[in-house]
Amino acid sequence: MPGFSGTRVLVALGIGLLLGTAMAWFLFLIVLHTPADVHDSRLQAFLVMVVICGGLAGVVIETTRQLRASSSDPAYHQHWWAKNRVSRRRDGRS
């Protein structure tokens, strides 16, 4: 079983922050080119939240993936699509 790698989590954090920054830039450009009147501090707070959520998503996905891979319970290693395929074959629906 592989161990938990904090380095991979930090790399996932960096990737998530980069994706969050790209999304925040995209949203900033949309708001900039619309007639909406949004106060600068509110827009800045919203964009910071988007970047933070991107980083958090990266950390959560990588942590969950590592914990699932290192689990000794065989139920964690079964995939939902494989279960559905096996149950359909038993029912004769292929």
C-alpha atoms as a PDB file:
ATOM      1  CA  MET A   1       0.000   0.000   0.000  1.00  0.00           C
ATOM      2  CA  PRO A   2       1.377   3.417  -0.900  1.00  0.00           C
ATOM      3  CA  GLY A   3       1.840   5.910   1.907  1.00  0.00           C
ATOM      4  CA  PHE A   4       0.445   9.399   2.156  1.00  0.00           C
ATOM      5  CA  SER A   5       2.510  11.937   0.204  1.00  0.00           C
ATOM      6  CA  GLY A   6       2.314  15.521   1.412  1.00  0.00           C
ATOM      7  CA  THR A   7       4.320  16.656  -1.597  1.00  0.00           C
ATOM      8  CA  ARG A   8       1.606  15.453  -3.960  1.00  0.00           C
ATOM      9  CA  VAL A   9      -0.978  17.313  -1.910  1.00  0.00           C
ATOM     10  CA  LEU A  10       1.080  20.506  -2.156  1.00  0.00           C
ATOM     11  CA  VAL A  11       1.446  20.049  -5.910  1.00  0.00           C
ATOM     12  CA  ALA A  12      -2.330  19.560  -6.139  1.00  0.00           C
ATOM     13  CA  LEU A  13      -2.750  22.736  -4.085  1.00  0.00           C
ATOM     14  CA  GLY A  14      -0.583  24.631  -6.558  1.00  0.00           C
ATOM     15  CA  ILE A  15      -2.473  23.266  -9.542  1.00  0.00           C
ATOM     16  CA  GLY A  16      -5.793  24.080  -7.886  1.00  0.00           C
ATOM     17  CA  LEU A  17      -4.626  27.624  -7.141  1.00  0.00           C
ATOM     18  CA  LEU A  18      -3.531  28.075 -10.752  1.00  0.00           C
ATOM     19  CA  LEU A  19      -6.875  26.831 -12.047  1.00  0.00           C
ATOM     20  CA  GLY A  20      -8.693  29.013  -9.514  1.00  0.00           C
ATOM     21  CA  THR A  21      -6.669  32.012 -10.627  1.00  0.00           C
ATOM     22  CA  ALA A  22      -7.500  31.316 -14.266  1.00  0.00           C
ATOM     23  CA  MET A  23     -11.186  31.031 -13.389  1.00  0.00           C
ATOM     24  CA  ALA A  24     -11.035  34.242 -11.333  1.00  0.00           C
ATOM     25  CA  TRP A  25      -9.374  36.088 -14.237  1.00  0.00           C
ATOM     26  CA  PHE A  26     -12.061  34.801 -16.595  1.00  0.00           C
ATOM     27  CA  LEU A  27     -14.833  35.960 -14.241  1.00  0.00           C
ATOM     28  CA  PHE A  28     -13.101  39.313 -13.743  1.00  0.00           C
ATOM     29  CA  LEU A  29     -13.039  39.893 -17.494  1.00  0.00           C
ATOM     30  CA  ILE A  30     -16.723  39.005 -17.767  1.00  0.00           C
ATOM     31  CA  VAL A  31     -17.668  41.452 -15.005  1.00  0.00           C
ATOM     32  CA  LEU A  32     -15.355  44.107 -16.456  1.00  0.00           C
ATOM     33  CA  HIS A  33     -17.101  43.975 -19.835  1.00  0.00           C
ATOM     34  CA  THR A  34     -20.670  44.066 -18.522  1.00  0.00           C
ATOM     35  CA  PRO A  35     -22.665  47.130 -17.495  1.00  0.00           C
ATOM     36  CA  ALA A  36     -22.944  45.785 -13.938  1.00  0.00           C
ATOM     37  CA  ASP A  37     -21.811  48.161 -11.230  1.00  0.00           C
ATOM     38  CA  VAL A  38     -19.938  46.050  -8.686  1.00  0.00           C
ATOM     39  CA  HIS A  39     -17.955  47.642  -5.881  1.00  0.00           C
ATOM     40  CA  ASP A  40     -14.224  46.916  -6.225  1.00  0.00           C
ATOM     41  CA  SER A  41     -13.796  45.450  -2.738  1.00  0.00           C
ATOM     42  CA  ARG A  42     -16.712  43.039  -3.250  1.00  0.00           C
ATOM     43  CA  LEU A  43     -15.376  41.941  -6.614  1.00  0.00           C
ATOM     44  CA  GLN A  44     -11.908  41.460  -5.161  1.00  0.00           C
ATOM     45  CA  ALA A  45     -13.288  39.407  -2.246  1.00  0.00           C
ATOM     46  CA  PHE A  46     -15.286  37.238  -4.665  1.00  0.00           C
ATOM     47  CA  LEU A  47     -12.234  36.608  -6.858  1.00  0.00           C
ATOM     48  CA  VAL A  48     -10.084  35.699  -3.840  1.00  0.00           C
ATOM     49  CA  MET A  49     -12.781  33.230  -2.767  1.00  0.00           C
ATOM     50  CA  VAL A  50     -12.736  31.648  -6.244  1.00  0.00           C
ATOM     51  CA  VAL A  51      -8.949  31.213  -6.073  1.00  0.00           C
ATOM     52  CA  ILE A  52      -9.125  29.740  -2.557  1.00  0.00           C
ATOM     53  CA  CYS A  53     -11.891  27.333  -3.597  1.00  0.00           C
ATOM     54  CA  GLY A  54      -9.740  26.141  -6.507  1.00  0.00           C
ATOM     55  CA  GLY A  55      -6.850  25.389  -4.161  1.00  0.00           C
ATOM     56  CA  LEU A  56      -9.135  23.681  -1.661  1.00  0.00           C
ATOM     57  CA  ALA A  57     -10.647  21.526  -4.404  1.00  0.00           C
ATOM     58  CA  GLY A  58      -7.179  20.394  -5.499  1.00  0.00           C
ATOM     59  CA  VAL A  59      -6.197  19.449  -1.943  1.00  0.00           C
ATOM     60  CA  VAL A  60      -9.456  17.585  -1.295  1.00  0.00           C
ATOM     61  CA  ILE A  61      -9.294  15.609  -4.539  1.00  0.00           C
ATOM     62  CA  GLU A  62      -5.673  14.532  -4.047  1.00  0.00           C
ATOM     63  CA  THR A  63      -6.110  13.718  -0.349  1.00  0.00           C
ATOM     64  CA  THR A  64      -9.209  11.628  -1.047  1.00  0.00           C
ATOM     65  CA  ARG A  65      -7.438   9.826  -3.892  1.00  0.00           C
ATOM     66  CA  GLN A  66      -4.447   8.957  -1.695  1.00  0.00           C
ATOM     67  CA  LEU A  67      -6.565   7.821   1.241  1.00  0.00           C
ATOM     68  CA  ARG A  68      -8.670   5.647  -1.049  1.00  0.00           C
ATOM     69  CA  ALA A  69      -5.573   4.108  -2.646  1.00  0.00           C
ATOM     70  CA  SER A  70      -4.006   3.311   0.722  1.00  0.00           C
ATOM     71  CA  SER A  71      -7.148   1.771   2.236  1.00  0.00           C
ATOM     72  CA  SER A  72      -7.047  -1.917   3.078  1.00  0.00           C
ATOM     73  CA  ASP A  73     -10.835  -2.297   2.728  1.00  0.00           C
ATOM     74  CA  PRO A  74     -11.627  -3.927  -0.650  1.00  0.00           C
ATOM     75  CA  ALA A  75     -14.911  -2.020  -0.896  1.00  0.00           C
ATOM     76  CA  TYR A  76     -12.919   1.177  -1.512  1.00  0.00           C
ATOM     77  CA  HIS A  77     -11.228  -0.391  -4.522  1.00  0.00           C
ATOM     78  CA  GLN A  78     -14.433  -1.335  -6.323  1.00  0.00           C
ATOM     79  CA  HIS A  79     -15.771   1.117  -8.871  1.00  0.00           C
ATOM     80  CA  TRP A  80     -19.449   1.965  -9.200  1.00  0.00           C
ATOM     81  CA  TRP A  81     -19.362   1.390 -12.968  1.00  0.00           C
ATOM     82  CA  ALA A  82     -17.966  -2.107 -12.503  1.00  0.00           C
ATOM     83  CA  LYS A  83     -20.729  -2.934 -10.010  1.00  0.00           C
ATOM     84  CA  ASN A  84     -23.412  -1.785 -12.452  1.00  0.00           C
ATOM     85  CA  ARG A  85     -21.908  -3.802 -15.299  1.00  0.00           C
ATOM     86  CA  VAL A  86     -21.768  -6.980 -13.205  1.00  0.00           C
ATOM     87  CA  SER A  87     -25.340  -6.578 -11.957  1.00  0.00           C
ATOM     88  CA  ARG A  88     -26.617  -5.987 -15.516  1.00  0.00           C
ATOM     89  CA  ARG A  89     -24.891  -9.137 -16.734  1.00  0.00           C
ATOM     90  CA  ARG A  90     -26.550 -11.149 -13.977  1.00  0.00           C
ATOM     91  CA  ASP A  91     -29.933  -9.745 -15.018  1.00  0.00           C
ATOM     92  CA  GLY A  92     -29.262 -10.606 -18.669  1.00  0.00           C
ATOM     93  CA  ARG A  93     -29.294  -6.988 -19.832  1.00  0.00           C
ATOM     94  CA  SER A  94     -25.617  -6.932 -20.963  1.00  0.00           C
END
